[in-house]
Amino acid sequence: MSLRIGANLAEPALTASHARLAEEAGFDFVGAGEHVYRDERPGPTQIALSALATAAGATSRVGLLTSIVIAPLHHPVMLAKEAAIVDLASGGRLTIGLGVGGEFPGEFAALGIPLNQRGARTDETVEILRALWSGGPATHAGKLFSFKDVTLDPGPAQPGGPKIWIGGRTEAAMKRTARMGDGWLPYLYRPSQYARSVDTVKGLLARYGRRDDAFGWGLHLMTAVAGTREESVRLAAESLRAGYKYDGSYEELAERYVLLGPPDAAIASLLEFHKSGARDVLLSWMVPSDRISEQIESIGQNVIPHLKSV
């Protein structure tokens, strides 16, 4: 099966221009994540569906992936409506990646949402999304949410709504994706870890009596590609230091989890992930914002053409 490459959109003011550039550079899809705010390591944040609505209007071909919607921060009825409109306006290009979040407890506190409800809210959200995207009046009576005879008009372009991929990297996330998801979207994985997760999810799918032939195998992959490996590590380490708390060496963290240059090394790493089971890889730029355009262009010119035969 082919390997599809996506470009992450992480600078709100540049969403439209970066989406257009990614489409012109030959990327297969664009993605966007979200946080309301970061109470540790403050920095710019966005809301995934807002970013992808902007990207949809700026492009005509590329797929749209939320990576990820933090499900428990949203009321599921409103999330279903917002996603339906983005899917309809884009001509059915949307895939919903969602997860439980929790790395920034302050945003949960700001919205009055208990951290210990993350899993339950996410599970119920998936049920509600599917019900509301079914086309007819939907009724739901759950532990956290309830409504009666709600119809979305208009609904999504895709029959039954966008595919739902589950994000995360834990055993609980794998179980959730096998029970409820249409795809798996982990992060901070090396190829060997990714391969083990694919085997685990496939085993869980079989246990739940589900087939894996139409299942999506995604990956959120931090990326810093430069002319030399040393420059790539430097760029990635600086970005990791600004965005994450870590007691060890940020350079070692970059070597472990970031797709690094030069381009031929990035190609080899992507092929290794493909061999491990990845089919949709979203590249998340670990470089200063003024170098993201350069990253998109470089990958488009020097990496993507060499993956077309995969």
C-alpha atoms as a PDB file:
ATOM      1  CA  MET A   1       0.000   0.000   0.000  1.00  0.00           C
ATOM      2  CA  SER A   2       1.102   3.582  -0.686  1.00  0.00           C
ATOM      3  CA  LEU A   3       2.643   5.987   1.778  1.00  0.00           C
ATOM      4  CA  ARG A   4       0.825   9.321   2.077  1.00  0.00           C
ATOM      5  CA  ILE A   5       2.611  12.372   3.496  1.00  0.00           C
ATOM      6  CA  GLY A   6       0.943  15.262   5.294  1.00  0.00           C
ATOM      7  CA  ALA A   7       2.073  18.719   6.412  1.00  0.00           C
ATOM      8  CA  ASN A   8       1.138  20.001   9.849  1.00  0.00           C
ATOM      9  CA  LEU A   9      -0.354  23.496  10.095  1.00  0.00           C
ATOM     10  CA  ALA A  10       0.763  25.009  13.390  1.00  0.00           C
ATOM     11  CA  GLU A  11       0.994  28.776  12.793  1.00  0.00           C
ATOM     12  CA  PRO A  12      -2.546  30.238  12.888  1.00  0.00           C
ATOM     13  CA  ALA A  13      -1.670  33.392  10.946  1.00  0.00           C
ATOM     14  CA  LEU A  14      -0.046  31.311   8.182  1.00  0.00           C
ATOM     15  CA  THR A  15      -2.600  28.486   7.947  1.00  0.00           C
ATOM     16  CA  ALA A  16      -3.934  29.402   4.501  1.00  0.00           C
ATOM     17  CA  SER A  17      -0.530  30.101   2.934  1.00  0.00           C
ATOM     18  CA  HIS A  18       1.063  26.950   4.375  1.00  0.00           C
ATOM     19  CA  ALA A  19      -1.903  24.826   3.236  1.00  0.00           C
ATOM     20  CA  ARG A  20      -1.649  26.194  -0.307  1.00  0.00           C
ATOM     21  CA  LEU A  21       2.111  25.670  -0.309  1.00  0.00           C
ATOM     22  CA  ALA A  22       1.714  22.059   0.885  1.00  0.00           C
ATOM     23  CA  GLU A  23      -0.827  21.319  -1.847  1.00  0.00           C
ATOM     24  CA  GLU A  24       1.439  22.839  -4.499  1.00  0.00           C
ATOM     25  CA  ALA A  25       4.426  20.881  -3.106  1.00  0.00           C
ATOM     26  CA  GLY A  26       2.655  17.546  -3.596  1.00  0.00           C
ATOM     27  CA  PHE A  27       1.593  16.676  -0.049  1.00  0.00           C
ATOM     28  CA  ASP A  28      -1.379  14.340   0.226  1.00  0.00           C
ATOM     29  CA  PHE A  29      -3.007  16.005   3.213  1.00  0.00           C
ATOM     30  CA  VAL A  30      -2.610  18.705   5.812  1.00  0.00           C
ATOM     31  CA  GLY A  31      -3.226  18.388   9.535  1.00  0.00           C
ATOM     32  CA  ALA A  32      -3.842  20.584  12.554  1.00  0.00           C
ATOM     33  CA  GLY A  33      -3.816  19.982  16.276  1.00  0.00           C
ATOM     34  CA  GLU A  34      -5.165  22.041  19.127  1.00  0.00           C
ATOM     35  CA  HIS A  35      -4.956  23.346  22.648  1.00  0.00           C
ATOM     36  CA  VAL A  36      -7.013  26.056  24.289  1.00  0.00           C
ATOM     37  CA  TYR A  37      -3.838  27.173  26.029  1.00  0.00           C
ATOM     38  CA  ARG A  38      -0.684  25.682  27.447  1.00  0.00           C
ATOM     39  CA  ASP A  39      -0.297  26.272  31.179  1.00  0.00           C
ATOM     40  CA  GLU A  40       3.249  24.930  30.993  1.00  0.00           C
ATOM     41  CA  ARG A  41       5.674  26.017  28.295  1.00  0.00           C
ATOM     42  CA  PRO A  42       3.316  28.778  27.005  1.00  0.00           C
ATOM     43  CA  GLY A  43       3.141  29.180  23.250  1.00  0.00           C
ATOM     44  CA  PRO A  44       0.723  29.837  20.383  1.00  0.00           C
ATOM     45  CA  THR A  45      -2.178  27.408  20.073  1.00  0.00           C
ATOM     46  CA  GLN A  46      -5.164  26.891  17.804  1.00  0.00           C
ATOM     47  CA  ILE A  47      -8.360  24.871  17.452  1.00  0.00           C
ATOM     48  CA  ALA A  48      -8.040  22.055  14.926  1.00  0.00           C
ATOM     49  CA  LEU A  49     -11.331  22.379  13.046  1.00  0.00           C
ATOM     50  CA  SER A  50     -11.007  26.170  12.796  1.00  0.00           C
ATOM     51  CA  ALA A  51      -7.572  25.732  11.228  1.00  0.00           C
ATOM     52  CA  LEU A  52      -8.806  23.065   8.827  1.00  0.00           C
ATOM     53  CA  ALA A  53     -11.803  25.169   7.805  1.00  0.00           C
ATOM     54  CA  THR A  54      -9.289  27.834   6.776  1.00  0.00           C
ATOM     55  CA  ALA A  55      -7.148  25.244   4.996  1.00  0.00           C
ATOM     56  CA  ALA A  56     -10.186  23.828   3.180  1.00  0.00           C
ATOM     57  CA  GLY A  57     -10.969  27.224   1.701  1.00  0.00           C
ATOM     58  CA  ALA A  58      -7.367  27.704   0.580  1.00  0.00           C
ATOM     59  CA  THR A  59      -7.028  24.329  -1.181  1.00  0.00           C
ATOM     60  CA  SER A  60      -8.931  22.014  -3.495  1.00  0.00           C
ATOM     61  CA  ARG A  61      -7.232  18.604  -3.340  1.00  0.00           C
ATOM     62  CA  VAL A  62      -5.432  17.785  -0.097  1.00  0.00           C
ATOM     63  CA  GLY A  63      -7.073  15.764   2.657  1.00  0.00           C
ATOM     64  CA  LEU A  64      -7.719  17.340   6.060  1.00  0.00           C
ATOM     65  CA  LEU A  65      -6.773  15.604   9.313  1.00  0.00           C
ATOM     66  CA  THR A  66      -7.303  16.787  12.876  1.00  0.00           C
ATOM     67  CA  SER A  67      -4.249  15.677  14.832  1.00  0.00           C
ATOM     68  CA  ILE A  68      -5.811  15.836  17.227  1.00  0.00           C
ATOM     69  CA  VAL A  69      -9.146  17.170  18.452  1.00  0.00           C
ATOM     70  CA  ILE A  70      -9.062  16.949  22.253  1.00  0.00           C
ATOM     71  CA  ALA A  71     -12.470  15.329  22.517  1.00  0.00           C
ATOM     72  CA  PRO A  72     -13.269  15.981  26.213  1.00  0.00           C
ATOM     73  CA  LEU A  73     -12.819  19.746  25.736  1.00  0.00           C
ATOM     74  CA  HIS A  74     -15.746  19.860  23.284  1.00  0.00           C
ATOM     75  CA  HIS A  75     -19.464  19.361  23.658  1.00  0.00           C
ATOM     76  CA  PRO A  76     -20.001  16.438  21.262  1.00  0.00           C
ATOM     77  CA  VAL A  77     -23.106  17.904  19.588  1.00  0.00           C
ATOM     78  CA  MET A  78     -21.246  21.089  18.692  1.00  0.00           C
ATOM     79  CA  LEU A  79     -18.191  19.078  17.621  1.00  0.00           C
ATOM     80  CA  ALA A  80     -20.376  16.950  15.338  1.00  0.00           C
ATOM     81  CA  LYS A  81     -21.863  20.083  13.756  1.00  0.00           C
ATOM     82  CA  GLU A  82     -18.527  21.817  13.256  1.00  0.00           C
ATOM     83  CA  ALA A  83     -16.968  18.723  11.710  1.00  0.00           C
ATOM     84  CA  ALA A  84     -19.974  18.194   9.444  1.00  0.00           C
ATOM     85  CA  ILE A  85     -19.661  21.722   8.063  1.00  0.00           C
ATOM     86  CA  VAL A  86     -15.920  21.403   7.428  1.00  0.00           C
ATOM     87  CA  ASP A  87     -16.479  18.050   5.714  1.00  0.00           C
ATOM     88  CA  LEU A  88     -19.293  19.453   3.566  1.00  0.00           C
ATOM     89  CA  ALA A  89     -17.453  22.648   2.637  1.00  0.00           C
ATOM     90  CA  SER A  90     -14.323  20.684   1.691  1.00  0.00           C
ATOM     91  CA  GLY A  91     -16.158  18.153  -0.454  1.00  0.00           C
ATOM     92  CA  GLY A  92     -15.652  15.261   1.947  1.00  0.00           C
ATOM     93  CA  ARG A  93     -11.927  15.668   2.625  1.00  0.00           C
ATOM     94  CA  LEU A  94     -12.024  15.495   6.439  1.00  0.00           C
ATOM     95  CA  THR A  95     -10.706  12.790   8.779  1.00  0.00           C
ATOM     96  CA  ILE A  96     -11.198  13.309  12.504  1.00  0.00           C
ATOM     97  CA  GLY A  97      -8.276  12.320  14.694  1.00  0.00           C
ATOM     98  CA  LEU A  98      -9.244  12.626  18.337  1.00  0.00           C
ATOM     99  CA  GLY A  99      -7.864  11.792  21.731  1.00  0.00           C
ATOM    100  CA  VAL A 100      -8.167  12.439  25.447  1.00  0.00           C
ATOM    101  CA  GLY A 101      -5.486  15.129  25.931  1.00  0.00           C
ATOM    102  CA  GLY A 102      -4.514  15.994  29.489  1.00  0.00           C
ATOM    103  CA  GLU A 103      -0.898  17.113  29.165  1.00  0.00           C
ATOM    104  CA  PHE A 104      -1.982  20.676  30.023  1.00  0.00           C
ATOM    105  CA  PRO A 105      -4.373  20.397  32.992  1.00  0.00           C
ATOM    106  CA  GLY A 106      -4.930  24.162  33.045  1.00  0.00           C
ATOM    107  CA  GLU A 107      -7.053  24.112  29.897  1.00  0.00           C
ATOM    108  CA  PHE A 108      -9.355  21.527  31.463  1.00  0.00           C
ATOM    109  CA  ALA A 109      -9.635  23.636  34.617  1.00  0.00           C
ATOM    110  CA  ALA A 110     -10.381  26.753  32.560  1.00  0.00           C
ATOM    111  CA  LEU A 111     -13.321  24.976  30.921  1.00  0.00           C
ATOM    112  CA  GLY A 112     -14.543  23.329  34.114  1.00  0.00           C
ATOM    113  CA  ILE A 113     -13.948  19.796  32.802  1.00  0.00           C
ATOM    114  CA  PRO A 114     -12.625  17.194  35.278  1.00  0.00           C
ATOM    115  CA  LEU A 115      -9.459  15.485  34.138  1.00  0.00           C
ATOM    116  CA  ASN A 116     -10.743  12.145  35.416  1.00  0.00           C
ATOM    117  CA  GLN A 117     -13.626  12.260  32.907  1.00  0.00           C
ATOM    118  CA  ARG A 118     -11.363  12.379  29.852  1.00  0.00           C
ATOM    119  CA  GLY A 119     -11.789   8.755  28.806  1.00  0.00           C
ATOM    120  CA  ALA A 120     -15.527   8.586  29.467  1.00  0.00           C
ATOM    121  CA  ARG A 121     -16.176  11.848  27.633  1.00  0.00           C
ATOM    122  CA  THR A 122     -14.125  10.680  24.651  1.00  0.00           C
ATOM    123  CA  ASP A 123     -15.935   7.345  24.403  1.00  0.00           C
ATOM    124  CA  GLU A 124     -19.336   9.007  24.586  1.00  0.00           C
ATOM    125  CA  THR A 125     -18.258  11.644  22.069  1.00  0.00           C
ATOM    126  CA  VAL A 126     -17.415   8.978  19.477  1.00  0.00           C
ATOM    127  CA  GLU A 127     -20.851   7.389  19.956  1.00  0.00           C
ATOM    128  CA  ILE A 128     -22.579  10.755  19.564  1.00  0.00           C
ATOM    129  CA  LEU A 129     -20.600  11.782  16.484  1.00  0.00           C
ATOM    130  CA  ARG A 130     -21.578   8.600  14.674  1.00  0.00           C
ATOM    131  CA  ALA A 131     -25.222   8.938  15.712  1.00  0.00           C
ATOM    132  CA  LEU A 132     -25.500  12.564  14.591  1.00  0.00           C
ATOM    133  CA  TRP A 133     -23.728  11.884  11.295  1.00  0.00           C
ATOM    134  CA  SER A 134     -26.119   9.029  10.470  1.00  0.00           C
ATOM    135  CA  GLY A 135     -28.559  11.331   8.673  1.00  0.00           C
ATOM    136  CA  GLY A 136     -31.733  10.908  10.718  1.00  0.00           C
ATOM    137  CA  PRO A 137     -32.895  12.274  14.059  1.00  0.00           C
ATOM    138  CA  ALA A 138     -30.549  11.037  16.790  1.00  0.00           C
ATOM    139  CA  THR A 139     -31.307  10.457  20.454  1.00  0.00           C
ATOM    140  CA  HIS A 140     -28.705   9.798  23.121  1.00  0.00           C
ATOM    141  CA  ALA A 141     -29.006   9.091  26.836  1.00  0.00           C
ATOM    142  CA  GLY A 142     -25.565   8.648  28.357  1.00  0.00           C
ATOM    143  CA  LYS A 143     -23.772   9.204  31.637  1.00  0.00           C
ATOM    144  CA  LEU A 144     -22.530  12.651  30.638  1.00  0.00           C
ATOM    145  CA  PHE A 145     -24.635  13.813  27.698  1.00  0.00           C
ATOM    146  CA  SER A 146     -28.246  13.407  26.635  1.00  0.00           C
ATOM    147  CA  PHE A 147     -30.454  14.801  23.878  1.00  0.00           C
ATOM    148  CA  LYS A 148     -33.504  13.783  21.890  1.00  0.00           C
ATOM    149  CA  ASP A 149     -34.385  13.897  18.186  1.00  0.00           C
ATOM    150  CA  VAL A 150     -31.459  16.043  17.003  1.00  0.00           C
ATOM    151  CA  THR A 151     -30.823  16.284  13.262  1.00  0.00           C
ATOM    152  CA  LEU A 152     -27.829  18.005  11.683  1.00  0.00           C
ATOM    153  CA  ASP A 153     -28.854  20.019   8.628  1.00  0.00           C
ATOM    154  CA  PRO A 154     -26.752  20.086   6.599  1.00  0.00           C
ATOM    155  CA  GLY A 155     -24.849  16.969   7.509  1.00  0.00           C
ATOM    156  CA  PRO A 156     -21.368  15.902   6.382  1.00  0.00           C
ATOM    157  CA  ALA A 157     -20.517  15.183   2.758  1.00  0.00           C
ATOM    158  CA  GLN A 158     -19.267  11.674   3.515  1.00  0.00           C
ATOM    159  CA  PRO A 159     -22.055   9.144   4.150  1.00  0.00           C
ATOM    160  CA  GLY A 160     -21.941   8.333   7.852  1.00  0.00           C
ATOM    161  CA  GLY A 161     -19.521  11.192   8.406  1.00  0.00           C
ATOM    162  CA  PRO A 162     -15.724  11.481   8.440  1.00  0.00           C
ATOM    163  CA  LYS A 163     -13.581   8.571   9.546  1.00  0.00           C
ATOM    164  CA  ILE A 164     -12.558   8.731  13.200  1.00  0.00           C
ATOM    165  CA  TRP A 165      -8.947   7.933  14.042  1.00  0.00           C
ATOM    166  CA  ILE A 166      -7.887   7.624  17.667  1.00  0.00           C
ATOM    167  CA  GLY A 167      -4.727   9.405  18.771  1.00  0.00           C
ATOM    168  CA  GLY A 168      -2.393   8.517  21.624  1.00  0.00           C
ATOM    169  CA  ARG A 169       0.382   6.093  22.442  1.00  0.00           C
ATOM    170  CA  THR A 170      -0.905   4.118  25.444  1.00  0.00           C
ATOM    171  CA  GLU A 171      -2.553   0.731  25.801  1.00  0.00           C
ATOM    172  CA  ALA A 172      -5.824   2.487  26.663  1.00  0.00           C
ATOM    173  CA  ALA A 173      -5.652   4.431  23.394  1.00  0.00           C
ATOM    174  CA  MET A 174      -5.023   1.224  21.423  1.00  0.00           C
ATOM    175  CA  LYS A 175      -8.019  -0.444  23.058  1.00  0.00           C
ATOM    176  CA  ARG A 176     -10.186   2.599  22.288  1.00  0.00           C
ATOM    177  CA  THR A 177      -9.184   2.642  18.631  1.00  0.00           C
ATOM    178  CA  ALA A 178      -9.841  -1.101  18.295  1.00  0.00           C
ATOM    179  CA  ARG A 179     -13.266  -0.768  19.918  1.00  0.00           C
ATOM    180  CA  MET A 180     -14.451   2.452  18.324  1.00  0.00           C
ATOM    181  CA  GLY A 181     -12.036   3.871  15.787  1.00  0.00           C
ATOM    182  CA  ASP A 182     -11.551   3.752  12.033  1.00  0.00           C
ATOM    183  CA  GLY A 183      -7.813   4.285  12.359  1.00  0.00           C
ATOM    184  CA  TRP A 184      -4.809   4.579  14.687  1.00  0.00           C
ATOM    185  CA  LEU A 185      -2.863   7.852  15.037  1.00  0.00           C
ATOM    186  CA  PRO A 186      -0.017   7.640  17.589  1.00  0.00           C
ATOM    187  CA  TYR A 187       2.885  10.001  18.199  1.00  0.00           C
ATOM    188  CA  LEU A 188       6.375   9.826  19.753  1.00  0.00           C
ATOM    189  CA  TYR A 189       7.010   6.406  18.247  1.00  0.00           C
ATOM    190  CA  ARG A 190      10.070   4.905  16.661  1.00  0.00           C
ATOM    191  CA  PRO A 191       9.534   2.411  13.803  1.00  0.00           C
ATOM    192  CA  SER A 192       9.933  -0.611  16.088  1.00  0.00           C
ATOM    193  CA  GLN A 193       7.381   0.822  18.534  1.00  0.00           C
ATOM    194  CA  TYR A 194       5.016   1.602  15.698  1.00  0.00           C
ATOM    195  CA  ALA A 195       5.251  -1.971  14.386  1.00  0.00           C
ATOM    196  CA  ARG A 196       4.438  -3.369  17.844  1.00  0.00           C
ATOM    197  CA  SER A 197       1.454  -1.032  18.153  1.00  0.00           C
ATOM    198  CA  VAL A 198       0.120  -2.170  14.768  1.00  0.00           C
ATOM    199  CA  ASP A 199       0.352  -5.791  15.874  1.00  0.00           C
ATOM    200  CA  THR A 200      -1.396  -4.932  19.150  1.00  0.00           C
ATOM    201  CA  VAL A 201      -4.214  -3.008  17.472  1.00  0.00           C
ATOM    202  CA  LYS A 202      -4.718  -5.745  14.868  1.00  0.00           C
ATOM    203  CA  GLY A 203      -4.960  -8.313  17.644  1.00  0.00           C
ATOM    204  CA  LEU A 204      -7.487  -6.167  19.495  1.00  0.00           C
ATOM    205  CA  LEU A 205      -9.533  -5.628  16.346  1.00  0.00           C
ATOM    206  CA  ALA A 206      -9.747  -9.385  15.882  1.00  0.00           C
ATOM    207  CA  ARG A 207     -10.785  -9.781  19.520  1.00  0.00           C
ATOM    208  CA  TYR A 208     -13.625  -7.302  18.973  1.00  0.00           C
ATOM    209  CA  GLY A 209     -14.653  -9.073  15.776  1.00  0.00           C
ATOM    210  CA  ARG A 210     -13.611  -6.200  13.513  1.00  0.00           C
ATOM    211  CA  ARG A 211     -11.786  -6.342  10.193  1.00  0.00           C
ATOM    212  CA  ASP A 212      -8.617  -4.333   9.558  1.00  0.00           C
ATOM    213  CA  ASP A 213      -8.647  -4.198   5.753  1.00  0.00           C
ATOM    214  CA  ALA A 214     -10.120  -0.658   5.643  1.00  0.00           C
ATOM    215  CA  PHE A 215      -8.471   0.528   8.843  1.00  0.00           C
ATOM    216  CA  GLY A 216      -6.312   3.679   8.781  1.00  0.00           C
ATOM    217  CA  TRP A 217      -2.713   3.527   9.976  1.00  0.00           C
ATOM    218  CA  GLY A 218      -1.561   7.067  10.707  1.00  0.00           C
ATOM    219  CA  LEU A 219       1.410   8.595  12.498  1.00  0.00           C
ATOM    220  CA  HIS A 220       2.128  12.066  13.863  1.00  0.00           C
ATOM    221  CA  LEU A 221       5.880  12.499  13.318  1.00  0.00           C
ATOM    222  CA  MET A 222       7.959  15.433  14.539  1.00  0.00           C
ATOM    223  CA  THR A 223      10.238  16.613  11.724  1.00  0.00           C
ATOM    224  CA  ALA A 224      13.277  18.826  11.187  1.00  0.00           C
ATOM    225  CA  VAL A 225      15.003  18.331   7.835  1.00  0.00           C
ATOM    226  CA  ALA A 226      18.135  20.315   6.997  1.00  0.00           C
ATOM    227  CA  GLY A 227      21.218  19.876   4.839  1.00  0.00           C
ATOM    228  CA  THR A 228      23.081  17.982   7.559  1.00  0.00           C
ATOM    229  CA  ARG A 229      22.060  15.774  10.447  1.00  0.00           C
ATOM    230  CA  GLU A 230      23.836  18.083  12.877  1.00  0.00           C
ATOM    231  CA  GLU A 231      21.768  21.068  11.758  1.00  0.00           C
ATOM    232  CA  SER A 232      18.570  19.009  11.915  1.00  0.00           C
ATOM    233  CA  VAL A 233      19.319  17.916  15.487  1.00  0.00           C
ATOM    234  CA  ARG A 234      20.088  21.494  16.515  1.00  0.00           C
ATOM    235  CA  LEU A 235      16.812  22.816  15.086  1.00  0.00           C
ATOM    236  CA  ALA A 236      14.775  19.991  16.625  1.00  0.00           C
ATOM    237  CA  ALA A 237      16.430  20.285  20.045  1.00  0.00           C
ATOM    238  CA  GLU A 238      15.709  24.028  20.181  1.00  0.00           C
ATOM    239  CA  SER A 239      12.040  23.444  19.353  1.00  0.00           C
ATOM    240  CA  LEU A 240      11.719  20.590  21.833  1.00  0.00           C
ATOM    241  CA  ARG A 241      13.331  22.692  24.557  1.00  0.00           C
ATOM    242  CA  ALA A 242      10.818  25.492  23.931  1.00  0.00           C
ATOM    243  CA  GLY A 243       7.786  23.213  23.909  1.00  0.00           C
ATOM    244  CA  TYR A 244       8.397  20.320  26.292  1.00  0.00           C
ATOM    245  CA  LYS A 245       9.598  19.688  29.822  1.00  0.00           C
ATOM    246  CA  TYR A 246      12.315  17.024  29.810  1.00  0.00           C
ATOM    247  CA  ASP A 247      15.005  16.140  32.337  1.00  0.00           C
ATOM    248  CA  GLY A 248      17.434  14.633  29.837  1.00  0.00           C
ATOM    249  CA  SER A 249      19.227  15.785  26.704  1.00  0.00           C
ATOM    250  CA  TYR A 250      16.999  17.422  24.101  1.00  0.00           C
ATOM    251  CA  GLU A 251      19.503  16.425  21.443  1.00  0.00           C
ATOM    252  CA  GLU A 252      19.092  12.759  22.438  1.00  0.00           C
ATOM    253  CA  LEU A 253      15.307  13.218  22.434  1.00  0.00           C
ATOM    254  CA  ALA A 254      15.528  14.597  18.904  1.00  0.00           C
ATOM    255  CA  GLU A 255      17.671  11.670  17.771  1.00  0.00           C
ATOM    256  CA  ARG A 256      15.103   9.267  19.224  1.00  0.00           C
ATOM    257  CA  TYR A 257      11.788  10.688  18.033  1.00  0.00           C
ATOM    258  CA  VAL A 258      12.280  13.311  15.299  1.00  0.00           C
ATOM    259  CA  LEU A 259      12.486  12.714  11.556  1.00  0.00           C
ATOM    260  CA  LEU A 260      15.867  14.262  10.778  1.00  0.00           C
ATOM    261  CA  GLY A 261      17.709  15.285   7.636  1.00  0.00           C
ATOM    262  CA  PRO A 262      19.420  15.352   5.303  1.00  0.00           C
ATOM    263  CA  PRO A 263      16.677  14.396   2.798  1.00  0.00           C
ATOM    264  CA  ASP A 264      18.098  10.961   1.975  1.00  0.00           C
ATOM    265  CA  ALA A 265      18.091  10.071   5.684  1.00  0.00           C
ATOM    266  CA  ALA A 266      14.505  11.313   5.999  1.00  0.00           C
ATOM    267  CA  ILE A 267      13.490   9.131   3.050  1.00  0.00           C
ATOM    268  CA  ALA A 268      15.104   6.077   4.638  1.00  0.00           C
ATOM    269  CA  SER A 269      13.328   6.735   7.955  1.00  0.00           C
ATOM    270  CA  LEU A 270       9.956   7.189   6.280  1.00  0.00           C
ATOM    271  CA  LEU A 271      10.414   3.939   4.376  1.00  0.00           C
ATOM    272  CA  GLU A 272      11.204   2.227   7.681  1.00  0.00           C
ATOM    273  CA  PHE A 273       7.956   3.541   9.168  1.00  0.00           C
ATOM    274  CA  HIS A 274       6.114   2.358   6.070  1.00  0.00           C
ATOM    275  CA  LYS A 275       7.622  -1.096   6.487  1.00  0.00           C
ATOM    276  CA  SER A 276       6.397  -1.006  10.108  1.00  0.00           C
ATOM    277  CA  GLY A 277       2.836  -0.416   8.926  1.00  0.00           C
ATOM    278  CA  ALA A 278       2.391   3.361   8.659  1.00  0.00           C
ATOM    279  CA  ARG A 279       0.352   4.570   5.676  1.00  0.00           C
ATOM    280  CA  ASP A 280      -0.453   8.234   6.490  1.00  0.00           C
ATOM    281  CA  VAL A 281       2.403  10.185   8.075  1.00  0.00           C
ATOM    282  CA  LEU A 282       1.792  13.748   9.240  1.00  0.00           C
ATOM    283  CA  LEU A 283       5.033  15.725   9.465  1.00  0.00           C
ATOM    284  CA  SER A 284       4.973  18.142  12.400  1.00  0.00           C
ATOM    285  CA  TRP A 285       7.613  20.832  12.025  1.00  0.00           C
ATOM    286  CA  MET A 286      10.145  21.142  14.858  1.00  0.00           C
ATOM    287  CA  VAL A 287      11.747  24.298  13.489  1.00  0.00           C
ATOM    288  CA  PRO A 288      11.254  28.060  14.016  1.00  0.00           C
ATOM    289  CA  SER A 289       8.068  29.378  12.404  1.00  0.00           C
ATOM    290  CA  ASP A 290       9.999  31.374   9.805  1.00  0.00           C
ATOM    291  CA  ARG A 291      11.514  28.134   8.488  1.00  0.00           C
ATOM    292  CA  ILE A 292       8.307  26.108   8.072  1.00  0.00           C
ATOM    293  CA  SER A 293       7.809  27.183   4.442  1.00  0.00           C
ATOM    294  CA  GLU A 294      11.358  26.043   3.732  1.00  0.00           C
ATOM    295  CA  GLN A 295      10.585  22.651   5.308  1.00  0.00           C
ATOM    296  CA  ILE A 296       7.434  22.191   3.219  1.00  0.00           C
ATOM    297  CA  GLU A 297       9.247  23.092   0.014  1.00  0.00           C
ATOM    298  CA  SER A 298      12.251  20.897   0.814  1.00  0.00           C
ATOM    299  CA  ILE A 299      10.132  17.841   1.582  1.00  0.00           C
ATOM    300  CA  GLY A 300       8.088  18.456  -1.550  1.00  0.00           C
ATOM    301  CA  GLN A 301      11.159  18.700  -3.763  1.00  0.00           C
ATOM    302  CA  ASN A 302      13.561  16.253  -2.162  1.00  0.00           C
ATOM    303  CA  VAL A 303      11.538  13.621  -0.314  1.00  0.00           C
ATOM    304  CA  ILE A 304       8.009  13.100  -1.641  1.00  0.00           C
ATOM    305  CA  PRO A 305       9.052  12.301  -5.243  1.00  0.00           C
ATOM    306  CA  HIS A 306      11.159   9.403  -3.942  1.00  0.00           C
ATOM    307  CA  LEU A 307       8.181   7.867  -2.095  1.00  0.00           C
ATOM    308  CA  LYS A 308       5.783   7.742  -5.044  1.00  0.00           C
ATOM    309  CA  SER A 309       6.775   4.201  -5.985  1.00  0.00           C
ATOM    310  CA  VAL A 310       6.151   2.825  -2.492  1.00  0.00           C
END
